Amino acid sequence: MVRRTTDDGLMDPAALAAPPDDAGRGHSDWTDRHERVLGALTTAEEEGGGEAVHLEEIARRAGLGEDETRQLLHDLVRVHRMATELAGSDRPDLGPRYETTPRF
């Protein structure tokens, strides 16, 4: 969060609001579709021995289209911080893979 002050040194109230994410989509509330995607990711990851999972597999398991799944994964990564995107981890690059964020 960026902290800004006004000219007289007082805190700018607008500085207390979280900035929109890097895609300019703003913040997304938790929905049943987020739950489906997170469940699909978790199951695929467990069945794959803990390996990260490609978008296509998550979308198939969630029963959603790839574009919608990509948007929901973006929310899970950037807003809810429940997943991590691993980009460029394959050779040749087969697109990003996702994994659940470890909880301690």
PDB file of N, CA and C in Angstrom:
ATOM      1  N   MET A   1       0.850  -1.167   0.000  1.00  0.00           N
ATOM      2  CA  MET A   1       0.000   0.000   0.000  1.00  0.00           C
ATOM      3  C   MET A   1       0.897   1.231   0.000  1.00  0.00           C
ATOM      4  N   VAL A   2       0.582   2.183  -0.838  1.00  0.00           N
ATOM      5  CA  VAL A   2       1.347   3.424  -0.923  1.00  0.00           C
ATOM      6  C   VAL A   2       0.783   4.407   0.084  1.00  0.00           C
ATOM      7  N   ARG A   3       1.665   5.032   0.856  1.00  0.00           N
ATOM      8  CA  ARG A   3       1.217   6.021   1.841  1.00  0.00           C
ATOM      9  C   ARG A   3       1.511   7.402   1.286  1.00  0.00           C
ATOM     10  N   ARG A   4       0.496   8.231   1.200  1.00  0.00           N
ATOM     11  CA  ARG A   4       0.653   9.589   0.688  1.00  0.00           C
ATOM     12  C   ARG A   4       0.190  10.579   1.746  1.00  0.00           C
ATOM     13  N   THR A   5       0.765  11.751   1.719  1.00  0.00           N
ATOM     14  CA  THR A   5       0.330  12.818   2.615  1.00  0.00           C
ATOM     15  C   THR A   5      -0.085  14.011   1.782  1.00  0.00           C
ATOM     16  N   THR A   6      -0.892  14.866   2.387  1.00  0.00           N
ATOM     17  CA  THR A   6      -1.297  16.096   1.727  1.00  0.00           C
ATOM     18  C   THR A   6      -0.192  17.129   1.901  1.00  0.00           C
ATOM     19  N   ASP A   7      -0.352  18.304   1.297  1.00  0.00           N
ATOM     20  CA  ASP A   7       0.669  19.353   1.372  1.00  0.00           C
ATOM     21  C   ASP A   7       0.960  19.779   2.805  1.00  0.00           C
ATOM     22  N   ASP A   8      -0.035  19.716   3.692  1.00  0.00           N
ATOM     23  CA  ASP A   8       0.188  20.132   5.077  1.00  0.00           C
ATOM     24  C   ASP A   8       0.681  18.981   5.961  1.00  0.00           C
ATOM     25  N   GLY A   9       1.037  17.844   5.358  1.00  0.00           N
ATOM     26  CA  GLY A   9       1.620  16.740   6.104  1.00  0.00           C
ATOM     27  C   GLY A   9       0.620  15.756   6.678  1.00  0.00           C
ATOM     28  N   LEU A  10      -0.685  16.003   6.486  1.00  0.00           N
ATOM     29  CA  LEU A  10      -1.696  15.083   6.995  1.00  0.00           C
ATOM     30  C   LEU A  10      -1.829  13.888   6.059  1.00  0.00           C
ATOM     31  N   MET A  11      -2.214  12.772   6.625  1.00  0.00           N
ATOM     32  CA  MET A  11      -2.393  11.570   5.821  1.00  0.00           C
ATOM     33  C   MET A  11      -3.561  11.753   4.870  1.00  0.00           C
ATOM     34  N   ASP A  12      -3.346  11.428   3.621  1.00  0.00           N
ATOM     35  CA  ASP A  12      -4.388  11.472   2.605  1.00  0.00           C
ATOM     36  C   ASP A  12      -5.268  10.234   2.786  1.00  0.00           C
ATOM     37  N   PRO A  13      -6.575  10.387   3.099  1.00  0.00           N
ATOM     38  CA  PRO A  13      -7.445   9.222   3.313  1.00  0.00           C
ATOM     39  C   PRO A  13      -7.482   8.284   2.113  1.00  0.00           C
ATOM     40  N   ALA A  14      -7.282   8.805   0.919  1.00  0.00           N
ATOM     41  CA  ALA A  14      -7.289   7.946  -0.266  1.00  0.00           C
ATOM     42  C   ALA A  14      -6.114   6.980  -0.251  1.00  0.00           C
ATOM     43  N   ALA A  15      -5.075   7.321   0.501  1.00  0.00           N
ATOM     44  CA  ALA A  15      -3.897   6.456   0.570  1.00  0.00           C
ATOM     45  C   ALA A  15      -4.171   5.189   1.366  1.00  0.00           C
ATOM     46  N   LEU A  16      -5.242   5.165   2.137  1.00  0.00           N
ATOM     47  CA  LEU A  16      -5.549   3.995   2.949  1.00  0.00           C
ATOM     48  C   LEU A  16      -6.259   2.905   2.159  1.00  0.00           C
ATOM     49  N   ALA A  17      -6.779   3.245   0.988  1.00  0.00           N
ATOM     50  CA  ALA A  17      -7.444   2.250   0.161  1.00  0.00           C
ATOM     51  C   ALA A  17      -6.399   1.448  -0.593  1.00  0.00           C
ATOM     52  N   ALA A  18      -6.610   0.144  -0.660  1.00  0.00           N
ATOM     53  CA  ALA A  18      -5.672  -0.705  -1.396  1.00  0.00           C
ATOM     54  C   ALA A  18      -5.759  -0.372  -2.876  1.00  0.00           C
ATOM     55  N   PRO A  19      -4.629  -0.318  -3.556  1.00  0.00           N
ATOM     56  CA  PRO A  19      -4.655  -0.020  -4.984  1.00  0.00           C
ATOM     57  C   PRO A  19      -5.245  -1.190  -5.753  1.00  0.00           C
ATOM     58  N   PRO A  20      -5.782  -0.937  -6.954  1.00  0.00           N
ATOM     59  CA  PRO A  20      -6.281  -2.055  -7.751  1.00  0.00           C
ATOM     60  C   PRO A  20      -5.119  -2.958  -8.139  1.00  0.00           C
ATOM     61  N   ASP A  21      -5.437  -4.210  -8.464  1.00  0.00           N
ATOM     62  CA  ASP A  21      -4.363  -5.122  -8.848  1.00  0.00           C
ATOM     63  C   ASP A  21      -3.754  -4.702 -10.175  1.00  0.00           C
ATOM     64  N   ASP A  22      -2.697  -5.390 -10.585  1.00  0.00           N
ATOM     65  CA  ASP A  22      -1.946  -4.967 -11.753  1.00  0.00           C
ATOM     66  C   ASP A  22      -2.698  -5.110 -13.065  1.00  0.00           C
ATOM     67  N   ALA A  23      -3.795  -5.821 -13.093  1.00  0.00           N
ATOM     68  CA  ALA A  23      -4.570  -5.961 -14.318  1.00  0.00           C
ATOM     69  C   ALA A  23      -5.654  -4.897 -14.412  1.00  0.00           C
ATOM     70  N   GLY A  24      -5.786  -4.052 -13.395  1.00  0.00           N
ATOM     71  CA  GLY A  24      -6.788  -2.999 -13.416  1.00  0.00           C
ATOM     72  C   GLY A  24      -8.200  -3.497 -13.193  1.00  0.00           C
ATOM     73  N   ARG A  25      -8.351  -4.730 -12.708  1.00  0.00           N
ATOM     74  CA  ARG A  25      -9.676  -5.301 -12.525  1.00  0.00           C
ATOM     75  C   ARG A  25     -10.257  -4.985 -11.167  1.00  0.00           C
ATOM     76  N   GLY A  26      -9.486  -4.400 -10.266  1.00  0.00           N
ATOM     77  CA  GLY A  26      -9.987  -4.149  -8.927  1.00  0.00           C
ATOM     78  C   GLY A  26      -9.985  -5.429  -8.120  1.00  0.00           C
ATOM     79  N   HIS A  27     -10.683  -5.420  -7.014  1.00  0.00           N
ATOM     80  CA  HIS A  27     -10.703  -6.576  -6.130  1.00  0.00           C
ATOM     81  C   HIS A  27     -11.999  -7.342  -6.318  1.00  0.00           C
ATOM     82  N   SER A  28     -11.905  -8.643  -6.247  1.00  0.00           N
ATOM     83  CA  SER A  28     -13.051  -9.501  -6.468  1.00  0.00           C
ATOM     84  C   SER A  28     -13.445 -10.184  -5.164  1.00  0.00           C
ATOM     85  N   ASP A  29     -14.731 -10.163  -4.865  1.00  0.00           N
ATOM     86  CA  ASP A  29     -15.228 -10.869  -3.690  1.00  0.00           C
ATOM     87  C   ASP A  29     -15.173 -12.372  -3.943  1.00  0.00           C
ATOM     88  N   TRP A  30     -15.134 -13.143  -2.871  1.00  0.00           N
ATOM     89  CA  TRP A  30     -15.098 -14.598  -2.947  1.00  0.00           C
ATOM     90  C   TRP A  30     -16.439 -15.107  -3.454  1.00  0.00           C
ATOM     91  N   THR A  31     -16.411 -16.007  -4.433  1.00  0.00           N
ATOM     92  CA  THR A  31     -17.638 -16.577  -4.994  1.00  0.00           C
ATOM     93  C   THR A  31     -17.545 -18.098  -4.991  1.00  0.00           C
ATOM     94  N   ASP A  32     -18.665 -18.738  -5.321  1.00  0.00           N
ATOM     95  CA  ASP A  32     -18.656 -20.195  -5.427  1.00  0.00           C
ATOM     96  C   ASP A  32     -17.746 -20.658  -6.559  1.00  0.00           C
ATOM     97  N   ARG A  33     -17.548 -19.819  -7.558  1.00  0.00           N
ATOM     98  CA  ARG A  33     -16.644 -20.182  -8.663  1.00  0.00           C
ATOM     99  C   ARG A  33     -15.186 -20.169  -8.198  1.00  0.00           C
ATOM    100  N   HIS A  34     -14.843 -19.227  -7.327  1.00  0.00           N
ATOM    101  CA  HIS A  34     -13.500 -19.253  -6.733  1.00  0.00           C
ATOM    102  C   HIS A  34     -13.308 -20.570  -5.977  1.00  0.00           C
ATOM    103  N   GLU A  35     -14.332 -20.967  -5.242  1.00  0.00           N
ATOM    104  CA  GLU A  35     -14.289 -22.216  -4.472  1.00  0.00           C
ATOM    105  C   GLU A  35     -14.081 -23.413  -5.392  1.00  0.00           C
ATOM    106  N   ARG A  36     -14.792 -23.431  -6.521  1.00  0.00           N
ATOM    107  CA  ARG A  36     -14.649 -24.536  -7.478  1.00  0.00           C
ATOM    108  C   ARG A  36     -13.237 -24.599  -8.044  1.00  0.00           C
ATOM    109  N   VAL A  37     -12.689 -23.450  -8.405  1.00  0.00           N
ATOM    110  CA  VAL A  37     -11.344 -23.419  -8.986  1.00  0.00           C
ATOM    111  C   VAL A  37     -10.304 -23.816  -7.944  1.00  0.00           C
ATOM    112  N   LEU A  38     -10.436 -23.302  -6.727  1.00  0.00           N
ATOM    113  CA  LEU A  38      -9.491 -23.672  -5.673  1.00  0.00           C
ATOM    114  C   LEU A  38      -9.583 -25.168  -5.371  1.00  0.00           C
ATOM    115  N   GLY A  39     -10.793 -25.706  -5.334  1.00  0.00           N
ATOM    116  CA  GLY A  39     -10.964 -27.139  -5.111  1.00  0.00           C
ATOM    117  C   GLY A  39     -10.347 -27.965  -6.229  1.00  0.00           C
ATOM    118  N   ALA A  40     -10.544 -27.529  -7.474  1.00  0.00           N
ATOM    119  CA  ALA A  40      -9.960 -28.233  -8.621  1.00  0.00           C
ATOM    120  C   ALA A  40      -8.438 -28.187  -8.567  1.00  0.00           C
ATOM    121  N   LEU A  41      -7.889 -27.035  -8.230  1.00  0.00           N
ATOM    122  CA  LEU A  41      -6.440 -26.891  -8.108  1.00  0.00           C
ATOM    123  C   LEU A  41      -5.898 -27.795  -7.007  1.00  0.00           C
ATOM    124  N   THR A  42      -6.544 -27.773  -5.858  1.00  0.00           N
ATOM    125  CA  THR A  42      -6.092 -28.575  -4.717  1.00  0.00           C
ATOM    126  C   THR A  42      -6.117 -30.065  -5.042  1.00  0.00           C
ATOM    127  N   THR A  43      -7.209 -30.528  -5.632  1.00  0.00           N
ATOM    128  CA  THR A  43      -7.340 -31.946  -5.977  1.00  0.00           C
ATOM    129  C   THR A  43      -6.297 -32.363  -7.008  1.00  0.00           C
ATOM    130  N   ALA A  44      -6.140 -31.562  -8.063  1.00  0.00           N
ATOM    131  CA  ALA A  44      -5.167 -31.888  -9.111  1.00  0.00           C
ATOM    132  C   ALA A  44      -3.748 -31.894  -8.559  1.00  0.00           C
ATOM    133  N   GLU A  45      -3.465 -30.957  -7.687  1.00  0.00           N
ATOM    134  CA  GLU A  45      -2.134 -30.875  -7.078  1.00  0.00           C
ATOM    135  C   GLU A  45      -1.870 -32.111  -6.201  1.00  0.00           C
ATOM    136  N   GLU A  46      -2.851 -32.503  -5.407  1.00  0.00           N
ATOM    137  CA  GLU A  46      -2.706 -33.681  -4.544  1.00  0.00           C
ATOM    138  C   GLU A  46      -2.528 -34.950  -5.369  1.00  0.00           C
ATOM    139  N   GLU A  47      -3.341 -35.096  -6.427  1.00  0.00           N
ATOM    140  CA  GLU A  47      -3.261 -36.293  -7.267  1.00  0.00           C
ATOM    141  C   GLU A  47      -1.973 -36.326  -8.086  1.00  0.00           C
ATOM    142  N   GLY A  48      -1.370 -35.171  -8.307  1.00  0.00           N
ATOM    143  CA  GLY A  48      -0.122 -35.087  -9.062  1.00  0.00           C
ATOM    144  C   GLY A  48       1.109 -35.115  -8.179  1.00  0.00           C
ATOM    145  N   GLY A  49       0.964 -35.539  -6.950  1.00  0.00           N
ATOM    146  CA  GLY A  49       2.108 -35.643  -6.055  1.00  0.00           C
ATOM    147  C   GLY A  49       2.661 -34.309  -5.593  1.00  0.00           C
ATOM    148  N   GLY A  50       1.820 -33.293  -5.576  1.00  0.00           N
ATOM    149  CA  GLY A  50       2.254 -31.978  -5.106  1.00  0.00           C
ATOM    150  C   GLY A  50       2.803 -31.077  -6.192  1.00  0.00           C
ATOM    151  N   GLU A  51       2.792 -31.555  -7.444  1.00  0.00           N
ATOM    152  CA  GLU A  51       3.289 -30.748  -8.561  1.00  0.00           C
ATOM    153  C   GLU A  51       2.284 -29.656  -8.924  1.00  0.00           C
ATOM    154  N   ALA A  52       2.801 -28.526  -9.414  1.00  0.00           N
ATOM    155  CA  ALA A  52       1.948 -27.433  -9.878  1.00  0.00           C
ATOM    156  C   ALA A  52       1.137 -27.905 -11.094  1.00  0.00           C
ATOM    157  N   VAL A  53       0.011 -27.232 -11.347  1.00  0.00           N
ATOM    158  CA  VAL A  53      -0.973 -27.688 -12.328  1.00  0.00           C
ATOM    159  C   VAL A  53      -1.188 -26.620 -13.401  1.00  0.00           C
ATOM    160  N   HIS A  54      -1.328 -27.064 -14.662  1.00  0.00           N
ATOM    161  CA  HIS A  54      -1.596 -26.140 -15.764  1.00  0.00           C
ATOM    162  C   HIS A  54      -3.061 -25.684 -15.762  1.00  0.00           C
ATOM    163  N   LEU A  55      -3.281 -24.523 -16.336  1.00  0.00           N
ATOM    164  CA  LEU A  55      -4.606 -23.909 -16.436  1.00  0.00           C
ATOM    165  C   LEU A  55      -5.638 -24.864 -17.028  1.00  0.00           C
ATOM    166  N   GLU A  56      -5.289 -25.534 -18.114  1.00  0.00           N
ATOM    167  CA  GLU A  56      -6.239 -26.403 -18.809  1.00  0.00           C
ATOM    168  C   GLU A  56      -6.780 -27.497 -17.886  1.00  0.00           C
ATOM    169  N   GLU A  57      -5.916 -28.061 -17.072  1.00  0.00           N
ATOM    170  CA  GLU A  57      -6.332 -29.115 -16.141  1.00  0.00           C
ATOM    171  C   GLU A  57      -7.265 -28.562 -15.062  1.00  0.00           C
ATOM    172  N   ILE A  58      -6.944 -27.380 -14.566  1.00  0.00           N
ATOM    173  CA  ILE A  58      -7.783 -26.763 -13.530  1.00  0.00           C
ATOM    174  C   ILE A  58      -9.158 -26.437 -14.102  1.00  0.00           C
ATOM    175  N   ALA A  59      -9.187 -25.858 -15.304  1.00  0.00           N
ATOM    176  CA  ALA A  59     -10.457 -25.504 -15.947  1.00  0.00           C
ATOM    177  C   ALA A  59     -11.313 -26.748 -16.173  1.00  0.00           C
ATOM    178  N   ARG A  60     -10.689 -27.818 -16.661  1.00  0.00           N
ATOM    179  CA  ARG A  60     -11.426 -29.057 -16.922  1.00  0.00           C
ATOM    180  C   ARG A  60     -12.039 -29.603 -15.637  1.00  0.00           C
ATOM    181  N   ARG A  61     -11.257 -29.643 -14.580  1.00  0.00           N
ATOM    182  CA  ARG A  61     -11.743 -30.180 -13.305  1.00  0.00           C
ATOM    183  C   ARG A  61     -12.830 -29.294 -12.690  1.00  0.00           C
ATOM    184  N   ALA A  62     -12.721 -27.977 -12.893  1.00  0.00           N
ATOM    185  CA  ALA A  62     -13.709 -27.048 -12.332  1.00  0.00           C
ATOM    186  C   ALA A  62     -14.969 -26.972 -13.185  1.00  0.00           C
ATOM    187  N   GLY A  63     -14.897 -27.478 -14.423  1.00  0.00           N
ATOM    188  CA  GLY A  63     -16.045 -27.414 -15.321  1.00  0.00           C
ATOM    189  C   GLY A  63     -16.304 -26.009 -15.830  1.00  0.00           C
ATOM    190  N   LEU A  64     -15.231 -25.224 -15.977  1.00  0.00           N
ATOM    191  CA  LEU A  64     -15.339 -23.839 -16.442  1.00  0.00           C
ATOM    192  C   LEU A  64     -14.460 -23.647 -17.672  1.00  0.00           C
ATOM    193  N   GLY A  65     -14.713 -22.577 -18.408  1.00  0.00           N
ATOM    194  CA  GLY A  65     -13.876 -22.240 -19.549  1.00  0.00           C
ATOM    195  C   GLY A  65     -12.512 -21.740 -19.096  1.00  0.00           C
ATOM    196  N   GLU A  66     -11.542 -21.814 -19.996  1.00  0.00           N
ATOM    197  CA  GLU A  66     -10.185 -21.405 -19.643  1.00  0.00           C
ATOM    198  C   GLU A  66     -10.080 -19.916 -19.327  1.00  0.00           C
ATOM    199  N   ASP A  67     -10.797 -19.069 -20.068  1.00  0.00           N
ATOM    200  CA  ASP A  67     -10.730 -17.624 -19.797  1.00  0.00           C
ATOM    201  C   ASP A  67     -11.267 -17.293 -18.407  1.00  0.00           C
ATOM    202  N   GLU A  68     -12.416 -17.863 -18.064  1.00  0.00           N
ATOM    203  CA  GLU A  68     -12.985 -17.604 -16.742  1.00  0.00           C
ATOM    204  C   GLU A  68     -12.084 -18.171 -15.642  1.00  0.00           C
ATOM    205  N   THR A  69     -11.550 -19.361 -15.876  1.00  0.00           N
ATOM    206  CA  THR A  69     -10.655 -19.975 -14.891  1.00  0.00           C
ATOM    207  C   THR A  69      -9.411 -19.124 -14.701  1.00  0.00           C
ATOM    208  N   ARG A  70      -8.870 -18.585 -15.798  1.00  0.00           N
ATOM    209  CA  ARG A  70      -7.686 -17.715 -15.710  1.00  0.00           C
ATOM    210  C   ARG A  70      -7.981 -16.490 -14.838  1.00  0.00           C
ATOM    211  N   GLN A  71      -9.152 -15.879 -15.020  1.00  0.00           N
ATOM    212  CA  GLN A  71      -9.528 -14.708 -14.221  1.00  0.00           C
ATOM    213  C   GLN A  71      -9.679 -15.079 -12.745  1.00  0.00           C
ATOM    214  N   LEU A  72     -10.297 -16.210 -12.480  1.00  0.00           N
ATOM    215  CA  LEU A  72     -10.483 -16.647 -11.096  1.00  0.00           C
ATOM    216  C   LEU A  72      -9.150 -17.003 -10.448  1.00  0.00           C
ATOM    217  N   LEU A  73      -8.253 -17.638 -11.199  1.00  0.00           N
ATOM    218  CA  LEU A  73      -6.918 -17.929 -10.681  1.00  0.00           C
ATOM    219  C   LEU A  73      -6.166 -16.638 -10.381  1.00  0.00           C
ATOM    220  N   HIS A  74      -6.346 -15.640 -11.239  1.00  0.00           N
ATOM    221  CA  HIS A  74      -5.720 -14.337 -10.995  1.00  0.00           C
ATOM    222  C   HIS A  74      -6.175 -13.797  -9.637  1.00  0.00           C
ATOM    223  N   ASP A  75      -7.468 -13.889  -9.360  1.00  0.00           N
ATOM    224  CA  ASP A  75      -7.992 -13.443  -8.065  1.00  0.00           C
ATOM    225  C   ASP A  75      -7.403 -14.267  -6.921  1.00  0.00           C
ATOM    226  N   LEU A  76      -7.322 -15.579  -7.110  1.00  0.00           N
ATOM    227  CA  LEU A  76      -6.778 -16.443  -6.057  1.00  0.00           C
ATOM    228  C   LEU A  76      -5.314 -16.125  -5.780  1.00  0.00           C
ATOM    229  N   VAL A  77      -4.584 -15.716  -6.814  1.00  0.00           N
ATOM    230  CA  VAL A  77      -3.167 -15.373  -6.653  1.00  0.00           C
ATOM    231  C   VAL A  77      -3.001 -13.972  -6.087  1.00  0.00           C
ATOM    232  N   ARG A  78      -3.615 -12.967  -6.713  1.00  0.00           N
ATOM    233  CA  ARG A  78      -3.349 -11.565  -6.393  1.00  0.00           C
ATOM    234  C   ARG A  78      -4.195 -11.004  -5.255  1.00  0.00           C
ATOM    235  N   VAL A  79      -5.448 -11.409  -5.176  1.00  0.00           N
ATOM    236  CA  VAL A  79      -6.365 -10.817  -4.194  1.00  0.00           C
ATOM    237  C   VAL A  79      -6.444 -11.670  -2.927  1.00  0.00           C
ATOM    238  N   HIS A  80      -6.758 -12.928  -3.104  1.00  0.00           N
ATOM    239  CA  HIS A  80      -6.988 -13.805  -1.956  1.00  0.00           C
ATOM    240  C   HIS A  80      -5.711 -14.473  -1.457  1.00  0.00           C
ATOM    241  N   ARG A  81      -4.681 -14.466  -2.273  1.00  0.00           N
ATOM    242  CA  ARG A  81      -3.360 -15.025  -1.934  1.00  0.00           C
ATOM    243  C   ARG A  81      -3.450 -16.479  -1.457  1.00  0.00           C
ATOM    244  N   MET A  82      -4.266 -17.251  -2.171  1.00  0.00           N
ATOM    245  CA  MET A  82      -4.442 -18.660  -1.830  1.00  0.00           C
ATOM    246  C   MET A  82      -3.757 -19.574  -2.838  1.00  0.00           C
ATOM    247  N   ALA A  83      -3.181 -18.985  -3.896  1.00  0.00           N
ATOM    248  CA  ALA A  83      -2.483 -19.758  -4.919  1.00  0.00           C
ATOM    249  C   ALA A  83      -1.281 -18.960  -5.398  1.00  0.00           C
ATOM    250  N   THR A  84      -0.364 -19.677  -6.046  1.00  0.00           N
ATOM    251  CA  THR A  84       0.841 -19.066  -6.592  1.00  0.00           C
ATOM    252  C   THR A  84       0.943 -19.441  -8.061  1.00  0.00           C
ATOM    253  N   GLU A  85       1.322 -18.472  -8.896  1.00  0.00           N
ATOM    254  CA  GLU A  85       1.536 -18.726 -10.318  1.00  0.00           C
ATOM    255  C   GLU A  85       3.024 -18.934 -10.564  1.00  0.00           C
ATOM    256  N   LEU A  86       3.348 -20.026 -11.226  1.00  0.00           N
ATOM    257  CA  LEU A  86       4.732 -20.324 -11.593  1.00  0.00           C
ATOM    258  C   LEU A  86       4.848 -20.156 -13.103  1.00  0.00           C
ATOM    259  N   ALA A  87       5.419 -19.058 -13.543  1.00  0.00           N
ATOM    260  CA  ALA A  87       5.535 -18.770 -14.972  1.00  0.00           C
ATOM    261  C   ALA A  87       6.912 -19.171 -15.476  1.00  0.00           C
ATOM    262  N   GLY A  88       6.953 -19.699 -16.693  1.00  0.00           N
ATOM    263  CA  GLY A  88       8.215 -20.037 -17.324  1.00  0.00           C
ATOM    264  C   GLY A  88       8.967 -21.167 -16.662  1.00  0.00           C
ATOM    265  N   SER A  89       8.258 -22.074 -16.003  1.00  0.00           N
ATOM    266  CA  SER A  89       8.932 -23.151 -15.278  1.00  0.00           C
ATOM    267  C   SER A  89       9.098 -24.416 -16.113  1.00  0.00           C
ATOM    268  N   ASP A  90       8.565 -24.422 -17.333  1.00  0.00           N
ATOM    269  CA  ASP A  90       8.681 -25.585 -18.215  1.00  0.00           C
ATOM    270  C   ASP A  90       9.574 -25.248 -19.402  1.00  0.00           C
ATOM    271  N   ARG A  91      10.231 -26.255 -19.951  1.00  0.00           N
ATOM    272  CA  ARG A  91      10.996 -26.105 -21.187  1.00  0.00           C
ATOM    273  C   ARG A  91      10.558 -27.200 -22.128  1.00  0.00           C
ATOM    274  N   PRO A  92       9.958 -26.901 -23.265  1.00  0.00           N
ATOM    275  CA  PRO A  92       9.570 -25.554 -23.669  1.00  0.00           C
ATOM    276  C   PRO A  92       8.452 -25.025 -22.782  1.00  0.00           C
ATOM    277  N   ASP A  93       8.287 -23.706 -22.800  1.00  0.00           N
ATOM    278  CA  ASP A  93       7.283 -23.055 -21.962  1.00  0.00           C
ATOM    279  C   ASP A  93       5.886 -23.483 -22.400  1.00  0.00           C
ATOM    280  N   LEU A  94       5.171 -24.125 -21.511  1.00  0.00           N
ATOM    281  CA  LEU A  94       3.816 -24.596 -21.781  1.00  0.00           C
ATOM    282  C   LEU A  94       2.769 -23.720 -21.103  1.00  0.00           C
ATOM    283  N   GLY A  95       3.168 -22.543 -20.670  1.00  0.00           N
ATOM    284  CA  GLY A  95       2.258 -21.644 -19.974  1.00  0.00           C
ATOM    285  C   GLY A  95       2.422 -21.771 -18.477  1.00  0.00           C
ATOM    286  N   PRO A  96       1.794 -20.870 -17.754  1.00  0.00           N
ATOM    287  CA  PRO A  96       1.960 -20.883 -16.297  1.00  0.00           C
ATOM    288  C   PRO A  96       1.334 -22.127 -15.667  1.00  0.00           C
ATOM    289  N   ARG A  97       1.916 -22.509 -14.551  1.00  0.00           N
ATOM    290  CA  ARG A  97       1.332 -23.550 -13.713  1.00  0.00           C
ATOM    291  C   ARG A  97       0.985 -22.902 -12.384  1.00  0.00           C
ATOM    292  N   TYR A  98       0.061 -23.519 -11.670  1.00  0.00           N
ATOM    293  CA  TYR A  98      -0.430 -22.954 -10.415  1.00  0.00           C
ATOM    294  C   TYR A  98      -0.306 -23.984  -9.308  1.00  0.00           C
ATOM    295  N   GLU A  99      -0.103 -23.489  -8.102  1.00  0.00           N
ATOM    296  CA  GLU A  99      -0.094 -24.341  -6.917  1.00  0.00           C
ATOM    297  C   GLU A  99      -0.750 -23.587  -5.776  1.00  0.00           C
ATOM    298  N   THR A 100      -1.264 -24.329  -4.817  1.00  0.00           N
ATOM    299  CA  THR A 100      -1.859 -23.682  -3.655  1.00  0.00           C
ATOM    300  C   THR A 100      -0.746 -23.059  -2.820  1.00  0.00           C
ATOM    301  N   THR A 101      -1.070 -21.971  -2.159  1.00  0.00           N
ATOM    302  CA  THR A 101      -0.107 -21.298  -1.301  1.00  0.00           C
ATOM    303  C   THR A 101       0.019 -22.083  -0.006  1.00  0.00           C
ATOM    304  N   PRO A 102       1.242 -22.443   0.374  1.00  0.00           N
ATOM    305  CA  PRO A 102       1.416 -23.196   1.623  1.00  0.00           C
ATOM    306  C   PRO A 102       0.913 -22.392   2.821  1.00  0.00           C
ATOM    307  N   ARG A 103       0.236 -23.073   3.724  1.00  0.00           N
ATOM    308  CA  ARG A 103      -0.244 -22.458   4.966  1.00  0.00           C
ATOM    309  C   ARG A 103       0.566 -23.028   6.115  1.00  0.00           C
ATOM    310  N   PHE A 104       1.080 -22.163   6.959  1.00  0.00           N
ATOM    311  CA  PHE A 104       1.914 -22.619   8.074  1.00  0.00           C
ATOM    312  C   PHE A 104       1.117 -22.702   9.342  1.00  0.00           C
TER     313      PHE A 104
END
